Amino acid sequence: KVGFSADGIILNAGAYTHTSVAIRDAISAITT
């Protein structure tokens, strides 16, 4: 939602840091 309009994103993904391919893919797909 915000990955093409925000100036920056600060993300604490908690335990998803170590397990989430979906969050990794979402970060890879956005320009922010």
ModelCIF file with pLDDT and N, C-alpha, C, O atoms, coordinates in Angstrom:
data_MODEL
#
_entry.id   MODEL 
#
_entity.id                         1 
_entity.type                       polymer 
_entity.pdbx_number_of_molecules   1 
#
_entity_poly.entity_id                      1 
_entity_poly.type                           'polypeptide(L)' 
_entity_poly.nstd_linkage                   no 
_entity_poly.nstd_monomer                   no 
_entity_poly.pdbx_seq_one_letter_code       KVGFSADGIILNAGAYTHTSVAIRDAISAITT 
_entity_poly.pdbx_seq_one_letter_code_can   KVGFSADGIILNAGAYTHTSVAIRDAISAITT 
_entity_poly.pdbx_strand_id                 A 
#
loop_
_entity_poly_seq.entity_id 
_entity_poly_seq.num 
_entity_poly_seq.mon_id 
_entity_poly_seq.hetero 
1 1  LYS n 
1 2  VAL n 
1 3  GLY n 
1 4  PHE n 
1 5  SER n 
1 6  ALA n 
1 7  ASP n 
1 8  GLY n 
1 9  ILE n 
1 10 ILE n 
1 11 LEU n 
1 12 ASN n 
1 13 ALA n 
1 14 GLY n 
1 15 ALA n 
1 16 TYR n 
1 17 THR n 
1 18 HIS n 
1 19 THR n 
1 20 SER n 
1 21 VAL n 
1 22 ALA n 
1 23 ILE n 
1 24 ARG n 
1 25 ASP n 
1 26 ALA n 
1 27 ILE n 
1 28 SER n 
1 29 ALA n 
1 30 ILE n 
1 31 THR n 
1 32 THR n 
#
_struct_asym.id          A 
_struct_asym.entity_id   1 
#
loop_
_ma_qa_metric.id 
_ma_qa_metric.mode 
_ma_qa_metric.name 
_ma_qa_metric.software_group_id 
_ma_qa_metric.type 
1 global pLDDT . pLDDT 
2 local  pLDDT . pLDDT 
#
_ma_qa_metric_global.metric_id      1 
_ma_qa_metric_global.metric_value   96.66 
_ma_qa_metric_global.model_id       1 
_ma_qa_metric_global.ordinal_id     1 
#
loop_
_ma_qa_metric_local.label_asym_id 
_ma_qa_metric_local.label_comp_id 
_ma_qa_metric_local.label_seq_id 
_ma_qa_metric_local.metric_id 
_ma_qa_metric_local.metric_value 
_ma_qa_metric_local.model_id 
_ma_qa_metric_local.ordinal_id 
A LYS 1  2 98.00 1 1  
A VAL 2  2 97.00 1 2  
A GLY 3  2 97.00 1 3  
A PHE 4  2 98.00 1 4  
A SER 5  2 96.00 1 5  
A ALA 6  2 96.00 1 6  
A ASP 7  2 94.00 1 7  
A GLY 8  2 96.00 1 8  
A ILE 9  2 98.00 1 9  
A ILE 10 2 97.00 1 10 
A LEU 11 2 98.00 1 11 
A ASN 12 2 97.00 1 12 
A ALA 13 2 96.00 1 13 
A GLY 14 2 92.00 1 14 
A ALA 15 2 93.00 1 15 
A TYR 16 2 95.00 1 16 
A THR 17 2 96.00 1 17 
A HIS 18 2 93.00 1 18 
A THR 19 2 94.00 1 19 
A SER 20 2 97.00 1 20 
A VAL 21 2 98.00 1 21 
A ALA 22 2 98.00 1 22 
A ILE 23 2 98.00 1 23 
A ARG 24 2 98.00 1 24 
A ASP 25 2 98.00 1 25 
A ALA 26 2 98.00 1 26 
A ILE 27 2 98.00 1 27 
A SER 28 2 98.00 1 28 
A ALA 29 2 98.00 1 29 
A ILE 30 2 98.00 1 30 
A THR 31 2 98.00 1 31 
A THR 32 2 97.00 1 32 
#
loop_
_atom_site.group_PDB 
_atom_site.id 
_atom_site.type_symbol 
_atom_site.label_atom_id 
_atom_site.label_alt_id 
_atom_site.label_comp_id 
_atom_site.label_asym_id 
_atom_site.label_entity_id 
_atom_site.label_seq_id 
_atom_site.pdbx_PDB_ins_code 
_atom_site.Cartn_x 
_atom_site.Cartn_y 
_atom_site.Cartn_z 
_atom_site.occupancy 
_atom_site.B_iso_or_equiv 
_atom_site.pdbx_formal_charge 
_atom_site.auth_seq_id 
_atom_site.auth_comp_id 
_atom_site.auth_asym_id 
_atom_site.auth_atom_id 
_atom_site.pdbx_PDB_model_num 
ATOM 1   N N  . LYS A 1 1  ? 0.828  -1.210  0.000  1.00 98.00 ? 1  LYS A N  1 
ATOM 2   C CA . LYS A 1 1  ? 0.000  0.000   0.000  1.00 98.00 ? 1  LYS A CA 1 
ATOM 3   C C  . LYS A 1 1  ? 0.866  1.266   0.000  1.00 98.00 ? 1  LYS A C  1 
ATOM 4   O O  . LYS A 1 1  ? 0.598  2.194   -0.763 1.00 98.00 ? 1  LYS A O  1 
ATOM 5   N N  . VAL A 1 2  ? 1.896  1.311   0.844  1.00 97.00 ? 2  VAL A N  1 
ATOM 6   C CA . VAL A 1 2  ? 2.689  2.542   1.005  1.00 97.00 ? 2  VAL A CA 1 
ATOM 7   C C  . VAL A 1 2  ? 4.034  2.485   0.279  1.00 97.00 ? 2  VAL A C  1 
ATOM 8   O O  . VAL A 1 2  ? 4.756  3.481   0.242  1.00 97.00 ? 2  VAL A O  1 
ATOM 9   N N  . GLY A 1 3  ? 4.368  1.359   -0.283 1.00 97.00 ? 3  GLY A N  1 
ATOM 10  C CA . GLY A 1 3  ? 5.695  1.133   -0.835 1.00 97.00 ? 3  GLY A CA 1 
ATOM 11  C C  . GLY A 1 3  ? 6.035  1.848   -2.116 1.00 97.00 ? 3  GLY A C  1 
ATOM 12  O O  . GLY A 1 3  ? 7.136  1.682   -2.640 1.00 97.00 ? 3  GLY A O  1 
ATOM 13  N N  . PHE A 1 4  ? 5.111  2.646   -2.641 1.00 98.00 ? 4  PHE A N  1 
ATOM 14  C CA . PHE A 1 4  ? 5.395  3.432   -3.837 1.00 98.00 ? 4  PHE A CA 1 
ATOM 15  C C  . PHE A 1 4  ? 5.153  4.920   -3.603 1.00 98.00 ? 4  PHE A C  1 
ATOM 16  O O  . PHE A 1 4  ? 5.311  5.733   -4.513 1.00 98.00 ? 4  PHE A O  1 
ATOM 17  N N  . SER A 1 5  ? 4.767  5.269   -2.372 1.00 96.00 ? 5  SER A N  1 
ATOM 18  C CA . SER A 1 5  ? 4.452  6.674   -2.088 1.00 96.00 ? 5  SER A CA 1 
ATOM 19  C C  . SER A 1 5  ? 5.193  7.229   -0.869 1.00 96.00 ? 5  SER A C  1 
ATOM 20  O O  . SER A 1 5  ? 5.436  8.434   -0.805 1.00 96.00 ? 5  SER A O  1 
ATOM 21  N N  . ALA A 1 6  ? 5.550  6.401   0.079  1.00 96.00 ? 6  ALA A N  1 
ATOM 22  C CA . ALA A 1 6  ? 6.246  6.878   1.281  1.00 96.00 ? 6  ALA A CA 1 
ATOM 23  C C  . ALA A 1 6  ? 7.702  7.210   0.944  1.00 96.00 ? 6  ALA A C  1 
ATOM 24  O O  . ALA A 1 6  ? 8.269  6.672   -0.007 1.00 96.00 ? 6  ALA A O  1 
ATOM 25  N N  . ASP A 1 7  ? 8.291  8.096   1.731  1.00 94.00 ? 7  ASP A N  1 
ATOM 26  C CA . ASP A 1 7  ? 9.702  8.437   1.548  1.00 94.00 ? 7  ASP A CA 1 
ATOM 27  C C  . ASP A 1 7  ? 10.615 7.370   2.135  1.00 94.00 ? 7  ASP A C  1 
ATOM 28  O O  . ASP A 1 7  ? 11.754 7.209   1.696  1.00 94.00 ? 7  ASP A O  1 
ATOM 29  N N  . GLY A 1 8  ? 10.119 6.648   3.119  1.00 96.00 ? 8  GLY A N  1 
ATOM 30  C CA . GLY A 1 8  ? 10.908 5.593   3.745  1.00 96.00 ? 8  GLY A CA 1 
ATOM 31  C C  . GLY A 1 8  ? 10.038 4.771   4.661  1.00 96.00 ? 8  GLY A C  1 
ATOM 32  O O  . GLY A 1 8  ? 9.009  5.238   5.149  1.00 96.00 ? 8  GLY A O  1 
ATOM 33  N N  . ILE A 1 9  ? 10.462 3.534   4.894  1.00 98.00 ? 9  ILE A N  1 
ATOM 34  C CA . ILE A 1 9  ? 9.741  2.618   5.780  1.00 98.00 ? 9  ILE A CA 1 
ATOM 35  C C  . ILE A 1 9  ? 10.731 2.069   6.789  1.00 98.00 ? 9  ILE A C  1 
ATOM 36  O O  . ILE A 1 9  ? 11.812 1.606   6.426  1.00 98.00 ? 9  ILE A O  1 
ATOM 37  N N  . ILE A 1 10 ? 10.356 2.123   8.053  1.00 97.00 ? 10 ILE A N  1 
ATOM 38  C CA . ILE A 1 10 ? 11.119 1.494   9.121  1.00 97.00 ? 10 ILE A CA 1 
ATOM 39  C C  . ILE A 1 10 ? 10.326 0.270   9.535  1.00 97.00 ? 10 ILE A C  1 
ATOM 40  O O  . ILE A 1 10 ? 9.172  0.381   9.947  1.00 97.00 ? 10 ILE A O  1 
ATOM 41  N N  . LEU A 1 11 ? 10.944 -0.897  9.426  1.00 98.00 ? 11 LEU A N  1 
ATOM 42  C CA . LEU A 1 11 ? 10.224 -2.150  9.636  1.00 98.00 ? 11 LEU A CA 1 
ATOM 43  C C  . LEU A 1 11 ? 10.889 -3.000  10.705 1.00 98.00 ? 11 LEU A C  1 
ATOM 44  O O  . LEU A 1 11 ? 12.053 -3.380  10.580 1.00 98.00 ? 11 LEU A O  1 
ATOM 45  N N  . ASN A 1 12 ? 10.142 -3.290  11.749 1.00 97.00 ? 12 ASN A N  1 
ATOM 46  C CA . ASN A 1 12 ? 10.537 -4.304  12.718 1.00 97.00 ? 12 ASN A CA 1 
ATOM 47  C C  . ASN A 1 12 ? 9.614  -5.488  12.456 1.00 97.00 ? 12 ASN A C  1 
ATOM 48  O O  . ASN A 1 12 ? 8.466  -5.504  12.899 1.00 97.00 ? 12 ASN A O  1 
ATOM 49  N N  . ALA A 1 13 ? 10.122 -6.465  11.744 1.00 96.00 ? 13 ALA A N  1 
ATOM 50  C CA . ALA A 1 13 ? 9.296  -7.610  11.353 1.00 96.00 ? 13 ALA A CA 1 
ATOM 51  C C  . ALA A 1 13 ? 9.257  -8.698  12.419 1.00 96.00 ? 13 ALA A C  1 
ATOM 52  O O  . ALA A 1 13 ? 8.658  -9.752  12.203 1.00 96.00 ? 13 ALA A O  1 
ATOM 53  N N  . GLY A 1 14 ? 9.884  -8.458  13.561 1.00 92.00 ? 14 GLY A N  1 
ATOM 54  C CA . GLY A 1 14 ? 9.866  -9.451  14.628 1.00 92.00 ? 14 GLY A CA 1 
ATOM 55  C C  . GLY A 1 14 ? 10.365 -10.799 14.139 1.00 92.00 ? 14 GLY A C  1 
ATOM 56  O O  . GLY A 1 14 ? 11.347 -10.870 13.400 1.00 92.00 ? 14 GLY A O  1 
ATOM 57  N N  . ALA A 1 15 ? 9.700  -11.860 14.546 1.00 93.00 ? 15 ALA A N  1 
ATOM 58  C CA . ALA A 1 15 ? 10.112 -13.213 14.164 1.00 93.00 ? 15 ALA A CA 1 
ATOM 59  C C  . ALA A 1 15 ? 9.968  -13.455 12.666 1.00 93.00 ? 15 ALA A C  1 
ATOM 60  O O  . ALA A 1 15 ? 10.605 -14.358 12.126 1.00 93.00 ? 15 ALA A O  1 
ATOM 61  N N  . TYR A 1 16 ? 9.133  -12.653 11.981 1.00 95.00 ? 16 TYR A N  1 
ATOM 62  C CA . TYR A 1 16 ? 9.013  -12.803 10.525 1.00 95.00 ? 16 TYR A CA 1 
ATOM 63  C C  . TYR A 1 16 ? 10.334 -12.456 9.819  1.00 95.00 ? 16 TYR A C  1 
ATOM 64  O O  . TYR A 1 16 ? 10.545 -12.841 8.669  1.00 95.00 ? 16 TYR A O  1 
ATOM 65  N N  . THR A 1 17 ? 11.203 -11.738 10.501 1.00 96.00 ? 17 THR A N  1 
ATOM 66  C CA . THR A 1 17 ? 12.526 -11.432 9.956  1.00 96.00 ? 17 THR A CA 1 
ATOM 67  C C  . THR A 1 17 ? 13.223 -12.694 9.480  1.00 96.00 ? 17 THR A C  1 
ATOM 68  O O  . THR A 1 17 ? 13.900 -12.689 8.452  1.00 96.00 ? 17 THR A O  1 
ATOM 69  N N  . HIS A 1 18 ? 13.056 -13.768 10.228 1.00 93.00 ? 18 HIS A N  1 
ATOM 70  C CA . HIS A 1 18 ? 13.803 -15.004 10.006 1.00 93.00 ? 18 HIS A CA 1 
ATOM 71  C C  . HIS A 1 18 ? 13.034 -16.037 9.189  1.00 93.00 ? 18 HIS A C  1 
ATOM 72  O O  . HIS A 1 18 ? 13.583 -17.081 8.834  1.00 93.00 ? 18 HIS A O  1 
ATOM 73  N N  . THR A 1 19 ? 11.766 -15.752 8.888  1.00 94.00 ? 19 THR A N  1 
ATOM 74  C CA . THR A 1 19 ? 10.938 -16.794 8.272  1.00 94.00 ? 19 THR A CA 1 
ATOM 75  C C  . THR A 1 19 ? 10.142 -16.352 7.048  1.00 94.00 ? 19 THR A C  1 
ATOM 76  O O  . THR A 1 19 ? 9.677  -17.200 6.286  1.00 94.00 ? 19 THR A O  1 
ATOM 77  N N  . SER A 1 20 ? 9.973  -15.045 6.840  1.00 97.00 ? 20 SER A N  1 
ATOM 78  C CA . SER A 1 20 ? 8.982  -14.611 5.858  1.00 97.00 ? 20 SER A CA 1 
ATOM 79  C C  . SER A 1 20 ? 9.566  -14.287 4.487  1.00 97.00 ? 20 SER A C  1 
ATOM 80  O O  . SER A 1 20 ? 10.157 -13.229 4.268  1.00 97.00 ? 20 SER A O  1 
ATOM 81  N N  . VAL A 1 21 ? 9.381  -15.220 3.590  1.00 98.00 ? 21 VAL A N  1 
ATOM 82  C CA . VAL A 1 21 ? 9.714  -14.970 2.193  1.00 98.00 ? 21 VAL A CA 1 
ATOM 83  C C  . VAL A 1 21 ? 8.712  -13.972 1.611  1.00 98.00 ? 21 VAL A C  1 
ATOM 84  O O  . VAL A 1 21 ? 9.066  -13.184 0.734  1.00 98.00 ? 21 VAL A O  1 
ATOM 85  N N  . ALA A 1 22 ? 7.482  -13.998 2.083  1.00 98.00 ? 22 ALA A N  1 
ATOM 86  C CA . ALA A 1 22 ? 6.443  -13.087 1.586  1.00 98.00 ? 22 ALA A CA 1 
ATOM 87  C C  . ALA A 1 22 ? 6.802  -11.630 1.883  1.00 98.00 ? 22 ALA A C  1 
ATOM 88  O O  . ALA A 1 22 ? 6.653  -10.774 1.012  1.00 98.00 ? 22 ALA A O  1 
ATOM 89  N N  . ILE A 1 23 ? 7.268  -11.338 3.091  1.00 98.00 ? 23 ILE A N  1 
ATOM 90  C CA . ILE A 1 23 ? 7.666  -9.966  3.427  1.00 98.00 ? 23 ILE A CA 1 
ATOM 91  C C  . ILE A 1 23 ? 8.907  -9.577  2.629  1.00 98.00 ? 23 ILE A C  1 
ATOM 92  O O  . ILE A 1 23 ? 9.003  -8.445  2.153  1.00 98.00 ? 23 ILE A O  1 
ATOM 93  N N  . ARG A 1 24 ? 9.846  -10.487 2.477  1.00 98.00 ? 24 ARG A N  1 
ATOM 94  C CA . ARG A 1 24 ? 11.033 -10.220 1.655  1.00 98.00 ? 24 ARG A CA 1 
ATOM 95  C C  . ARG A 1 24 ? 10.620 -9.872  0.224  1.00 98.00 ? 24 ARG A C  1 
ATOM 96  O O  . ARG A 1 24 ? 11.120 -8.904  -0.350 1.00 98.00 ? 24 ARG A O  1 
ATOM 97  N N  . ASP A 1 25 ? 9.722  -10.650 -0.343 1.00 98.00 ? 25 ASP A N  1 
ATOM 98  C CA . ASP A 1 25 ? 9.267  -10.402 -1.714 1.00 98.00 ? 25 ASP A CA 1 
ATOM 99  C C  . ASP A 1 25 ? 8.555  -9.060  -1.823 1.00 98.00 ? 25 ASP A C  1 
ATOM 100 O O  . ASP A 1 25 ? 8.722  -8.346  -2.812 1.00 98.00 ? 25 ASP A O  1 
ATOM 101 N N  . ALA A 1 26 ? 7.764  -8.715  -0.815 1.00 98.00 ? 26 ALA A N  1 
ATOM 102 C CA . ALA A 1 26 ? 7.058  -7.428  -0.830 1.00 98.00 ? 26 ALA A CA 1 
ATOM 103 C C  . ALA A 1 26 ? 8.053  -6.271  -0.801 1.00 98.00 ? 26 ALA A C  1 
ATOM 104 O O  . ALA A 1 26 ? 7.886  -5.293  -1.529 1.00 98.00 ? 26 ALA A O  1 
ATOM 105 N N  . ILE A 1 27 ? 9.082  -6.375  0.031  1.00 98.00 ? 27 ILE A N  1 
ATOM 106 C CA . ILE A 1 27 ? 10.108 -5.329  0.092  1.00 98.00 ? 27 ILE A CA 1 
ATOM 107 C C  . ILE A 1 27 ? 10.827 -5.225  -1.254 1.00 98.00 ? 27 ILE A C  1 
ATOM 108 O O  . ILE A 1 27 ? 11.106 -4.124  -1.729 1.00 98.00 ? 27 ILE A O  1 
ATOM 109 N N  . SER A 1 28 ? 11.124 -6.362  -1.859 1.00 98.00 ? 28 SER A N  1 
ATOM 110 C CA . SER A 1 28 ? 11.810 -6.374  -3.155 1.00 98.00 ? 28 SER A CA 1 
ATOM 111 C C  . SER A 1 28 ? 10.976 -5.738  -4.259 1.00 98.00 ? 28 SER A C  1 
ATOM 112 O O  . SER A 1 28 ? 11.523 -5.194  -5.218 1.00 98.00 ? 28 SER A O  1 
ATOM 113 N N  . ALA A 1 29 ? 9.665  -5.805  -4.129 1.00 98.00 ? 29 ALA A N  1 
ATOM 114 C CA . ALA A 1 29 ? 8.770  -5.347  -5.185 1.00 98.00 ? 29 ALA A CA 1 
ATOM 115 C C  . ALA A 1 29 ? 8.431  -3.856  -5.106 1.00 98.00 ? 29 ALA A C  1 
ATOM 116 O O  . ALA A 1 29 ? 7.870  -3.306  -6.054 1.00 98.00 ? 29 ALA A O  1 
ATOM 117 N N  . ILE A 1 30 ? 8.759  -3.194  -3.997 1.00 98.00 ? 30 ILE A N  1 
ATOM 118 C CA . ILE A 1 30 ? 8.391  -1.787  -3.834 1.00 98.00 ? 30 ILE A CA 1 
ATOM 119 C C  . ILE A 1 30 ? 9.593  -0.884  -4.118 1.00 98.00 ? 30 ILE A C  1 
ATOM 120 O O  . ILE A 1 30 ? 10.737 -1.339  -4.153 1.00 98.00 ? 30 ILE A O  1 
ATOM 121 N N  . THR A 1 31 ? 9.308  0.395   -4.320 1.00 98.00 ? 31 THR A N  1 
ATOM 122 C CA . THR A 1 31 ? 10.382 1.351   -4.608 1.00 98.00 ? 31 THR A CA 1 
ATOM 123 C C  . THR A 1 31 ? 10.823 2.140   -3.381 1.00 98.00 ? 31 THR A C  1 
ATOM 124 O O  . THR A 1 31 ? 11.917 2.705   -3.377 1.00 98.00 ? 31 THR A O  1 
ATOM 125 N N  . THR A 1 32 ? 10.005 2.189   -2.354 1.00 97.00 ? 32 THR A N  1 
ATOM 126 C CA . THR A 1 32 ? 10.363 2.916   -1.137 1.00 97.00 ? 32 THR A CA 1 
ATOM 127 C C  . THR A 1 32 ? 11.457 2.160   -0.389 1.00 97.00 ? 32 THR A C  1 
ATOM 128 O O  . THR A 1 32 ? 11.903 2.606   0.669  1.00 97.00 ? 32 THR A O  1 
#
